[in-house]
C-alpha atoms as a PDB file:
ATOM      1  CA  MET A   1     183.386 187.890  37.202  1.00  0.00           C
ATOM      2  CA  THR A   2     181.906 190.998  35.686  1.00  0.00           C
ATOM      3  CA  LYS A   3     178.438 191.020  34.220  1.00  0.00           C
ATOM      4  CA  SER A   4     179.741 191.184  30.633  1.00  0.00           C
ATOM      5  CA  LYS A   5     181.866 188.071  31.152  1.00  0.00           C
ATOM      6  CA  MET A   6     178.909 186.254  32.692  1.00  0.00           C
ATOM      7  CA  ALA A   7     176.671 187.233  29.780  1.00  0.00           C
ATOM      8  CA  ASN A   8     179.065 185.556  27.342  1.00  0.00           C
ATOM      9  CA  ARG A   9     179.661 182.408  29.334  1.00  0.00           C
ATOM     10  CA  TYR A  10     177.126 180.383  27.322  1.00  0.00           C
ATOM     11  CA  SER A  11     177.018 180.504  23.546  1.00  0.00           C
ATOM     12  CA  PRO A  12     173.786 181.459  21.781  1.00  0.00           C
ATOM     13  CA  GLU A  13     173.550 177.862  20.553  1.00  0.00           C
ATOM     14  CA  VAL A  14     173.684 176.469  24.108  1.00  0.00           C
ATOM     15  CA  ARG A  15     171.062 178.969  25.260  1.00  0.00           C
ATOM     16  CA  ALA A  16     168.759 178.152  22.345  1.00  0.00           C
ATOM     17  CA  ARG A  17     169.156 174.411  22.916  1.00  0.00           C
ATOM     18  CA  ALA A  18     168.427 174.737  26.637  1.00  0.00           C
ATOM     19  CA  VAL A  19     165.308 176.825  25.998  1.00  0.00           C
ATOM     20  CA  ARG A  20     164.150 174.365  23.347  1.00  0.00           C
ATOM     21  CA  MET A  21     164.655 171.496  25.812  1.00  0.00           C
ATOM     22  CA  VAL A  22     162.458 173.284  28.371  1.00  0.00           C
ATOM     23  CA  PHE A  23     159.687 173.869  25.830  1.00  0.00           C
ATOM     24  CA  GLU A  24     159.879 170.282  24.558  1.00  0.00           C
ATOM     25  CA  HIS A  25     159.922 168.628  27.995  1.00  0.00           C
ATOM     26  CA  GLN A  26     157.774 170.881  30.168  1.00  0.00           C
ATOM     27  CA  GLY A  27     154.800 168.588  29.563  1.00  0.00           C
ATOM     28  CA  SER A  28     156.672 165.848  31.413  1.00  0.00           C
ATOM     29  CA  TYR A  29     156.779 167.972  34.578  1.00  0.00           C
ATOM     30  CA  GLU A  30     154.053 169.471  36.729  1.00  0.00           C
ATOM     31  CA  THR A  31     155.305 172.998  36.108  1.00  0.00           C
ATOM     32  CA  GLN A  32     157.658 174.826  33.798  1.00  0.00           C
ATOM     33  CA  ALA A  33     159.799 175.549  36.860  1.00  0.00           C
ATOM     34  CA  GLY A  34     160.144 171.808  37.397  1.00  0.00           C
ATOM     35  CA  ALA A  35     161.393 171.347  33.847  1.00  0.00           C
ATOM     36  CA  ILE A  36     163.823 174.229  34.293  1.00  0.00           C
ATOM     37  CA  ALA A  37     165.124 172.803  37.577  1.00  0.00           C
ATOM     38  CA  ALA A  38     165.737 169.438  35.931  1.00  0.00           C
ATOM     39  CA  ILE A  39     167.365 170.764  32.749  1.00  0.00           C
ATOM     40  CA  ALA A  40     169.584 173.541  34.180  1.00  0.00           C
ATOM     41  CA  PRO A  41     172.155 171.226  35.818  1.00  0.00           C
ATOM     42  CA  LYS A  42     172.444 169.240  32.589  1.00  0.00           C
ATOM     43  CA  ILE A  43     173.753 172.305  30.754  1.00  0.00           C
ATOM     44  CA  GLY A  44     175.775 173.586  33.692  1.00  0.00           C
ATOM     45  CA  CYS A  45     173.827 176.624  34.809  1.00  0.00           C
ATOM     46  CA  ILE A  46     171.563 177.491  37.707  1.00  0.00           C
ATOM     47  CA  PRO A  47     167.772 177.369  37.293  1.00  0.00           C
ATOM     48  CA  GLN A  48     167.456 181.165  37.624  1.00  0.00           C
ATOM     49  CA  THR A  49     169.699 181.647  34.589  1.00  0.00           C
ATOM     50  CA  LEU A  50     167.738 179.204  32.463  1.00  0.00           C
ATOM     51  CA  SER A  51     164.478 180.715  33.682  1.00  0.00           C
ATOM     52  CA  GLY A  52     165.621 184.118  32.437  1.00  0.00           C
ATOM     53  CA  TRP A  53     166.464 182.689  29.023  1.00  0.00           C
ATOM     54  CA  VAL A  54     163.065 180.984  28.822  1.00  0.00           C
ATOM     55  CA  LYS A  55     161.230 184.186  29.806  1.00  0.00           C
ATOM     56  CA  GLN A  56     163.121 186.181  27.174  1.00  0.00           C
ATOM     57  CA  ALA A  57     162.370 183.526  24.537  1.00  0.00           C
ATOM     58  CA  GLU A  58     158.688 183.751  25.470  1.00  0.00           C
ATOM     59  CA  LYS A  59     158.816 187.554  25.067  1.00  0.00           C
ATOM     60  CA  ASP A  60     160.571 187.218  21.712  1.00  0.00           C
ATOM     61  CA  SER A  61     157.870 184.842  20.464  1.00  0.00           C
ATOM     62  CA  SER A  62     154.979 186.944  21.856  1.00  0.00           C
ATOM     63  CA  MET A  63     153.997 184.280  24.374  1.00  0.00           C
ATOM     64  CA  ARG A  64     154.689 186.760  27.198  1.00  0.00           C
ATOM     65  CA  ASP A  65     154.388 190.535  27.438  1.00  0.00           C
ATOM     66  CA  GLY A  66     157.598 192.514  27.592  1.00  0.00           C
ATOM     67  CA  VAL A  67     160.429 194.008  25.597  1.00  0.00           C
ATOM     68  CA  THR A  68     161.807 191.703  22.919  1.00  0.00           C
ATOM     69  CA  THR A  69     165.518 191.243  22.337  1.00  0.00           C
ATOM     70  CA  GLU A  70     165.250 193.216  19.102  1.00  0.00           C
ATOM     71  CA  GLU A  71     163.479 196.092  20.847  1.00  0.00           C
ATOM     72  CA  ARG A  72     166.015 196.070  23.687  1.00  0.00           C
ATOM     73  CA  ASP A  73     168.905 196.236  21.208  1.00  0.00           C
ATOM     74  CA  ARG A  74     167.231 199.153  19.401  1.00  0.00           C
ATOM     75  CA  ILE A  75     166.690 201.011  22.693  1.00  0.00           C
ATOM     76  CA  LYS A  76     170.358 200.553  23.599  1.00  0.00           C
ATOM     77  CA  ALA A  77     171.442 201.873  20.195  1.00  0.00           C
ATOM     78  CA  LEU A  78     169.210 204.925  20.560  1.00  0.00           C
ATOM     79  CA  GLU A  79     170.511 205.584  24.083  1.00  0.00           C
ATOM     80  CA  ARG A  80     174.111 205.436  22.781  1.00  0.00           C
ATOM     81  CA  GLU A  81     173.194 207.861  20.026  1.00  0.00           C
ATOM     82  CA  VAL A  82     171.650 210.297  22.502  1.00  0.00           C
ATOM     83  CA  ARG A  83     174.728 210.098  24.781  1.00  0.00           C
ATOM     84  CA  GLN A  84     177.004 210.882  21.843  1.00  0.00           C
ATOM     85  CA  MET A  85     174.926 213.927  20.950  1.00  0.00           C
ATOM     86  CA  ALA A  86     175.033 215.306  24.497  1.00  0.00           C
END
């Protein structure tokens, strides 16, 4: 599968629910990674995928440093604009 098909494999609702489950249940596990490892198979993805969603959610809510989804989308739009001008 191509990357674009993989990116759309899970709906935004499924992603949000999975991330919410990690945040709600991570206190029941020794580490966040433990919660991710337990929850990922329940939604049908691998732990690395869910971990990426959780990290991005943490960036979006300022719990972690990094580029937010909104900023990333704006950067992509600006890059497209620059390419069209060239």
